[in-house]
C-alpha cells in the first residue's frame, strides 16, 4: 500500500460522496443549509479522515482518524433515516445509500482491527 488512494475503503468512501451529492440534489431548497449541507460534510469527512489518518506516522494516530470516520459514517446513516422519514428519499433510494454505508462500516471496522 503506497498511498491512501490504494485503500478500498477510501475508494468506496469517495463513491459514496459522489452518490450522496447527486442523490440529495433534488431535496427542497430550504434544506440547502440544513440536511443537504450536513450530509455533504459527513460524507466528505469519512473519506477525508481515512486519507488524513493514512498520512500520520503511527497506527495509533491512524486508528484515531478511523474512529472519526466511523463517527461521520454513523452521522450520515442517521441523516439518511431522517430523510427517509421526511419522504426526501423513497425506500429504494434509502436502501441503496444505507447499504453503501453499511458496507463501508464493515470494511472500516475490519481495517481498524489490522491497526491494533
N, C-alpha and C. Protein backbone atom coordinates (compact mmCIF):
# COMPACT_ATOMS: atom_id res chain seq x y z
N UNK A 1 0.85 -1.16 0.00
CA UNK A 1 0.00 0.00 0.00
C UNK A 1 0.91 1.24 0.00
N UNK A 2 0.84 1.99 -1.07
CA UNK A 2 1.72 3.14 -1.21
C UNK A 2 1.05 4.44 -0.79
N UNK A 3 -0.24 4.51 -0.98
CA UNK A 3 -0.97 5.74 -0.69
C UNK A 3 -2.38 5.40 -0.22
N UNK A 4 -3.03 6.34 0.41
CA UNK A 4 -4.40 6.13 0.87
C UNK A 4 -5.32 5.82 -0.30
N UNK A 5 -4.96 6.28 -1.49
CA UNK A 5 -5.79 6.03 -2.67
C UNK A 5 -5.86 4.55 -3.03
N UNK A 6 -4.92 3.77 -2.51
CA UNK A 6 -4.92 2.33 -2.73
C UNK A 6 -5.90 1.61 -1.81
N UNK A 7 -6.36 2.28 -0.77
CA UNK A 7 -7.28 1.66 0.19
C UNK A 7 -8.68 1.56 -0.41
N UNK A 8 -9.23 0.35 -0.42
CA UNK A 8 -10.57 0.15 -0.94
C UNK A 8 -11.61 0.93 -0.13
N UNK A 9 -11.39 1.05 1.18
CA UNK A 9 -12.34 1.82 1.99
C UNK A 9 -12.35 3.29 1.58
N UNK A 10 -11.22 3.83 1.20
CA UNK A 10 -11.17 5.21 0.73
C UNK A 10 -11.89 5.32 -0.61
N UNK A 11 -11.63 4.39 -1.52
CA UNK A 11 -12.26 4.40 -2.84
C UNK A 11 -13.78 4.31 -2.73
N UNK A 12 -14.26 3.41 -1.87
CA UNK A 12 -15.71 3.26 -1.66
C UNK A 12 -16.29 4.52 -1.02
N UNK A 13 -15.53 5.14 -0.14
CA UNK A 13 -15.99 6.37 0.52
C UNK A 13 -16.13 7.51 -0.48
N UNK A 14 -15.22 7.58 -1.43
CA UNK A 14 -15.30 8.60 -2.48
C UNK A 14 -16.54 8.36 -3.35
N UNK A 15 -16.81 7.10 -3.68
CA UNK A 15 -18.02 6.78 -4.44
C UNK A 15 -19.27 7.21 -3.67
N UNK A 16 -19.25 7.01 -2.36
CA UNK A 16 -20.38 7.41 -1.53
C UNK A 16 -20.57 8.92 -1.58
N UNK A 17 -19.49 9.68 -1.50
CA UNK A 17 -19.59 11.15 -1.57
C UNK A 17 -20.29 11.57 -2.86
N UNK A 18 -19.84 11.02 -3.96
CA UNK A 18 -20.42 11.37 -5.27
C UNK A 18 -21.90 11.00 -5.31
N UNK A 19 -22.23 9.81 -4.83
CA UNK A 19 -23.62 9.35 -4.85
C UNK A 19 -24.50 10.23 -3.96
N UNK A 20 -23.99 10.59 -2.79
CA UNK A 20 -24.75 11.45 -1.89
C UNK A 20 -24.98 12.81 -2.53
N UNK A 21 -23.94 13.41 -3.07
CA UNK A 21 -24.09 14.72 -3.73
C UNK A 21 -25.17 14.67 -4.80
N UNK A 22 -25.12 13.64 -5.65
CA UNK A 22 -26.09 13.52 -6.73
C UNK A 22 -27.49 13.22 -6.19
N UNK A 23 -27.55 12.35 -5.19
CA UNK A 23 -28.84 11.89 -4.68
C UNK A 23 -29.62 12.93 -3.91
N UNK A 24 -28.93 13.85 -3.26
CA UNK A 24 -29.64 14.84 -2.44
C UNK A 24 -29.92 16.14 -3.20
N UNK A 25 -29.47 16.23 -4.42
CA UNK A 25 -29.68 17.45 -5.20
C UNK A 25 -31.16 17.83 -5.31
N UNK A 26 -32.07 16.85 -5.47
CA UNK A 26 -33.50 17.23 -5.59
C UNK A 26 -34.18 17.61 -4.26
N UNK A 27 -33.49 17.55 -3.16
CA UNK A 27 -34.11 17.91 -1.88
C UNK A 27 -34.64 19.34 -1.94
N UNK A 28 -35.59 19.68 -1.09
CA UNK A 28 -36.13 21.05 -1.09
C UNK A 28 -35.03 22.10 -0.90
N UNK A 29 -35.23 23.25 -1.50
CA UNK A 29 -34.24 24.33 -1.42
C UNK A 29 -33.96 24.76 0.01
N UNK A 30 -34.98 24.71 0.86
CA UNK A 30 -34.75 25.15 2.24
C UNK A 30 -33.82 24.22 3.01
N UNK A 31 -33.49 23.06 2.45
CA UNK A 31 -32.54 22.13 3.08
C UNK A 31 -31.10 22.40 2.65
N UNK A 32 -30.90 23.40 1.81
CA UNK A 32 -29.55 23.69 1.31
C UNK A 32 -28.54 23.87 2.44
N UNK A 33 -28.95 24.53 3.50
CA UNK A 33 -28.03 24.76 4.63
C UNK A 33 -28.41 23.91 5.83
N UNK A 34 -29.26 22.93 5.60
CA UNK A 34 -29.67 22.00 6.65
C UNK A 34 -29.14 20.61 6.34
N UNK A 35 -30.05 19.71 6.04
CA UNK A 35 -29.66 18.33 5.79
C UNK A 35 -28.69 18.17 4.62
N UNK A 36 -28.93 18.89 3.54
CA UNK A 36 -28.04 18.74 2.38
C UNK A 36 -26.60 19.08 2.75
N UNK A 37 -26.43 20.20 3.43
CA UNK A 37 -25.09 20.62 3.82
C UNK A 37 -24.46 19.62 4.79
N UNK A 38 -25.23 19.19 5.76
CA UNK A 38 -24.71 18.26 6.75
C UNK A 38 -24.33 16.92 6.13
N UNK A 39 -25.16 16.43 5.22
CA UNK A 39 -24.87 15.15 4.57
C UNK A 39 -23.64 15.24 3.67
N UNK A 40 -23.47 16.36 3.02
CA UNK A 40 -22.26 16.55 2.21
C UNK A 40 -21.03 16.51 3.10
N UNK A 41 -21.09 17.27 4.20
CA UNK A 41 -19.93 17.33 5.10
C UNK A 41 -19.61 15.97 5.71
N UNK A 42 -20.62 15.24 6.13
CA UNK A 42 -20.38 13.92 6.73
C UNK A 42 -19.75 12.96 5.73
N UNK A 43 -20.31 12.93 4.52
CA UNK A 43 -19.77 12.00 3.53
C UNK A 43 -18.32 12.36 3.18
N UNK A 44 -18.04 13.65 3.05
CA UNK A 44 -16.67 14.08 2.77
C UNK A 44 -15.75 13.73 3.94
N UNK A 45 -16.25 13.87 5.15
CA UNK A 45 -15.44 13.60 6.35
C UNK A 45 -14.97 12.15 6.42
N UNK A 46 -15.79 11.23 5.96
CA UNK A 46 -15.41 9.82 6.00
C UNK A 46 -14.13 9.61 5.19
N UNK A 47 -14.17 9.98 3.92
CA UNK A 47 -13.00 9.79 3.04
C UNK A 47 -11.82 10.64 3.50
N UNK A 48 -12.10 11.85 3.92
CA UNK A 48 -11.01 12.76 4.32
C UNK A 48 -10.27 12.26 5.55
N UNK A 49 -10.98 11.73 6.52
CA UNK A 49 -10.32 11.22 7.73
C UNK A 49 -9.54 9.94 7.46
N UNK A 50 -10.01 9.14 6.55
CA UNK A 50 -9.23 7.96 6.16
C UNK A 50 -7.91 8.42 5.53
N UNK A 51 -7.99 9.40 4.64
CA UNK A 51 -6.78 9.92 3.99
C UNK A 51 -5.85 10.58 5.00
N UNK A 52 -6.41 11.41 5.87
CA UNK A 52 -5.56 12.10 6.85
C UNK A 52 -4.90 11.11 7.80
N UNK A 53 -5.65 10.13 8.25
CA UNK A 53 -5.09 9.12 9.15
C UNK A 53 -3.96 8.34 8.51
N UNK A 54 -4.11 8.06 7.21
CA UNK A 54 -3.06 7.35 6.49
C UNK A 54 -1.75 8.12 6.53
N UNK A 55 -1.85 9.44 6.50
CA UNK A 55 -0.66 10.27 6.49
C UNK A 55 0.03 10.42 7.83
N UNK A 56 -0.59 9.92 8.88
CA UNK A 56 0.02 10.01 10.21
C UNK A 56 1.12 8.98 10.35
N UNK A 57 1.98 9.21 11.29
CA UNK A 57 3.17 8.36 11.41
C UNK A 57 2.98 7.12 12.28
N UNK A 58 1.83 6.99 12.90
CA UNK A 58 1.66 5.84 13.77
C UNK A 58 0.28 5.22 13.58
N UNK A 59 0.20 3.93 13.87
CA UNK A 59 -1.08 3.25 13.81
C UNK A 59 -2.06 3.82 14.83
N UNK A 60 -1.53 4.28 15.97
CA UNK A 60 -2.39 4.88 17.00
C UNK A 60 -3.10 6.11 16.44
N UNK A 61 -2.38 6.97 15.77
CA UNK A 61 -2.99 8.15 15.16
C UNK A 61 -3.96 7.75 14.05
N UNK A 62 -3.55 6.78 13.24
CA UNK A 62 -4.41 6.32 12.15
C UNK A 62 -5.73 5.79 12.73
N UNK A 63 -5.66 5.02 13.80
CA UNK A 63 -6.88 4.49 14.44
C UNK A 63 -7.79 5.62 14.90
N UNK A 64 -7.20 6.69 15.42
CA UNK A 64 -8.00 7.82 15.89
C UNK A 64 -8.77 8.43 14.73
N UNK A 65 -8.14 8.59 13.59
CA UNK A 65 -8.82 9.15 12.43
C UNK A 65 -9.85 8.17 11.85
N UNK A 66 -9.55 6.89 11.93
CA UNK A 66 -10.53 5.89 11.51
C UNK A 66 -11.77 5.98 12.40
N UNK A 67 -11.56 6.18 13.70
CA UNK A 67 -12.69 6.34 14.63
C UNK A 67 -13.52 7.57 14.28
N UNK A 68 -12.87 8.64 13.88
CA UNK A 68 -13.60 9.85 13.47
C UNK A 68 -14.40 9.56 12.20
N UNK A 69 -13.80 8.82 11.26
CA UNK A 69 -14.50 8.46 10.03
C UNK A 69 -15.75 7.63 10.34
N UNK A 70 -15.62 6.69 11.29
CA UNK A 70 -16.78 5.87 11.68
C UNK A 70 -17.87 6.75 12.28
N UNK A 71 -17.47 7.72 13.10
CA UNK A 71 -18.45 8.64 13.67
C UNK A 71 -19.20 9.41 12.59
N UNK A 72 -18.48 9.88 11.59
CA UNK A 72 -19.12 10.59 10.48
C UNK A 72 -20.05 9.66 9.70
N UNK A 73 -19.64 8.43 9.56
CA UNK A 73 -20.47 7.45 8.87
C UNK A 73 -21.78 7.22 9.62
N UNK A 74 -21.71 7.11 10.94
CA UNK A 74 -22.92 6.93 11.74
C UNK A 74 -23.82 8.17 11.67
N UNK A 75 -23.21 9.34 11.63
CA UNK A 75 -24.00 10.56 11.46
C UNK A 75 -24.75 10.52 10.13
N UNK A 76 -24.06 10.11 9.07
CA UNK A 76 -24.68 10.04 7.76
C UNK A 76 -25.82 9.02 7.76
N UNK A 77 -25.62 7.88 8.40
CA UNK A 77 -26.69 6.88 8.48
C UNK A 77 -27.92 7.46 9.18
N UNK A 78 -27.71 8.23 10.22
CA UNK A 78 -28.81 8.87 10.94
C UNK A 78 -29.52 9.88 10.04
N UNK A 79 -28.76 10.65 9.30
CA UNK A 79 -29.36 11.63 8.40
C UNK A 79 -30.14 10.97 7.27
N UNK A 80 -29.65 9.82 6.81
CA UNK A 80 -30.40 9.07 5.80
C UNK A 80 -31.75 8.63 6.36
N UNK A 81 -31.74 8.18 7.59
CA UNK A 81 -33.00 7.77 8.23
C UNK A 81 -33.97 8.95 8.33
N UNK A 82 -33.46 10.10 8.70
CA UNK A 82 -34.30 11.31 8.78
C UNK A 82 -34.88 11.63 7.41
N UNK A 83 -34.05 11.56 6.38
CA UNK A 83 -34.51 11.85 5.01
C UNK A 83 -35.60 10.88 4.57
N UNK A 84 -35.46 9.65 4.94
CA UNK A 84 -36.48 8.64 4.61
C UNK A 84 -37.80 9.00 5.30
N UNK A 85 -37.73 9.34 6.58
CA UNK A 85 -38.94 9.66 7.33
C UNK A 85 -39.59 10.95 6.86
N UNK A 86 -38.81 11.86 6.30
CA UNK A 86 -39.35 13.10 5.74
C UNK A 86 -39.81 12.93 4.29
N UNK A 87 -39.66 11.72 3.77
CA UNK A 87 -40.01 11.40 2.38
C UNK A 87 -39.15 12.14 1.36
N UNK A 88 -37.93 12.49 1.75
CA UNK A 88 -36.97 13.05 0.80
C UNK A 88 -36.33 11.92 -0.02
N UNK A 89 -36.29 10.75 0.58
CA UNK A 89 -35.78 9.55 -0.09
C UNK A 89 -36.87 8.50 -0.05
N UNK A 90 -37.06 7.80 -1.17
CA UNK A 90 -38.00 6.68 -1.15
C UNK A 90 -37.29 5.45 -0.58
N UNK A 91 -38.02 4.39 -0.38
CA UNK A 91 -37.45 3.18 0.25
C UNK A 91 -36.27 2.63 -0.54
N UNK A 92 -36.38 2.65 -1.86
CA UNK A 92 -35.30 2.10 -2.69
C UNK A 92 -34.04 2.95 -2.57
N UNK A 93 -34.19 4.27 -2.66
CA UNK A 93 -33.04 5.16 -2.52
C UNK A 93 -32.39 4.99 -1.16
N UNK A 94 -33.21 4.97 -0.12
CA UNK A 94 -32.68 4.79 1.23
C UNK A 94 -31.89 3.49 1.33
N UNK A 95 -32.45 2.41 0.81
CA UNK A 95 -31.79 1.10 0.89
C UNK A 95 -30.44 1.11 0.20
N UNK A 96 -30.38 1.74 -0.96
CA UNK A 96 -29.12 1.80 -1.71
C UNK A 96 -28.06 2.55 -0.92
N UNK A 97 -28.39 3.74 -0.45
CA UNK A 97 -27.41 4.55 0.28
C UNK A 97 -27.05 3.91 1.61
N UNK A 98 -28.06 3.38 2.29
CA UNK A 98 -27.79 2.78 3.60
C UNK A 98 -26.89 1.55 3.45
N UNK A 99 -27.13 0.76 2.43
CA UNK A 99 -26.28 -0.42 2.23
C UNK A 99 -24.86 -0.01 1.87
N UNK A 100 -24.70 1.07 1.13
CA UNK A 100 -23.34 1.58 0.86
C UNK A 100 -22.64 1.92 2.17
N UNK A 101 -23.36 2.60 3.06
CA UNK A 101 -22.74 2.98 4.33
C UNK A 101 -22.45 1.76 5.18
N UNK A 102 -23.31 0.76 5.14
CA UNK A 102 -23.07 -0.46 5.93
C UNK A 102 -21.85 -1.21 5.40
N UNK A 103 -21.70 -1.25 4.08
CA UNK A 103 -20.53 -1.92 3.50
C UNK A 103 -19.25 -1.20 3.95
N UNK A 104 -19.25 0.11 3.86
CA UNK A 104 -18.08 0.88 4.29
C UNK A 104 -17.85 0.69 5.78
N UNK A 105 -18.91 0.67 6.56
CA UNK A 105 -18.78 0.45 8.01
C UNK A 105 -18.09 -0.88 8.30
N UNK A 106 -18.54 -1.94 7.64
CA UNK A 106 -17.92 -3.26 7.86
C UNK A 106 -16.45 -3.24 7.45
N UNK A 107 -16.14 -2.59 6.35
CA UNK A 107 -14.76 -2.52 5.87
C UNK A 107 -13.89 -1.72 6.84
N UNK A 108 -14.40 -0.60 7.33
CA UNK A 108 -13.62 0.23 8.25
C UNK A 108 -13.36 -0.50 9.55
N UNK A 109 -14.39 -1.17 10.07
CA UNK A 109 -14.22 -1.91 11.33
C UNK A 109 -13.18 -3.01 11.16
N UNK A 110 -13.24 -3.74 10.07
CA UNK A 110 -12.26 -4.80 9.81
C UNK A 110 -10.86 -4.20 9.64
N UNK A 111 -10.77 -3.10 8.92
CA UNK A 111 -9.48 -2.45 8.71
C UNK A 111 -8.89 -1.95 10.02
N UNK A 112 -9.74 -1.38 10.86
CA UNK A 112 -9.28 -0.85 12.15
C UNK A 112 -8.61 -1.95 12.98
N UNK A 113 -9.15 -3.16 12.90
CA UNK A 113 -8.58 -4.28 13.66
C UNK A 113 -7.15 -4.59 13.21
N UNK A 114 -6.85 -4.32 11.94
CA UNK A 114 -5.50 -4.59 11.45
C UNK A 114 -4.49 -3.57 11.98
N UNK A 115 -4.99 -2.46 12.50
CA UNK A 115 -4.10 -1.40 13.01
C UNK A 115 -3.72 -1.63 14.47
N UNK A 116 -4.32 -2.61 15.12
CA UNK A 116 -4.01 -2.88 16.54
C UNK A 116 -2.66 -3.54 16.71
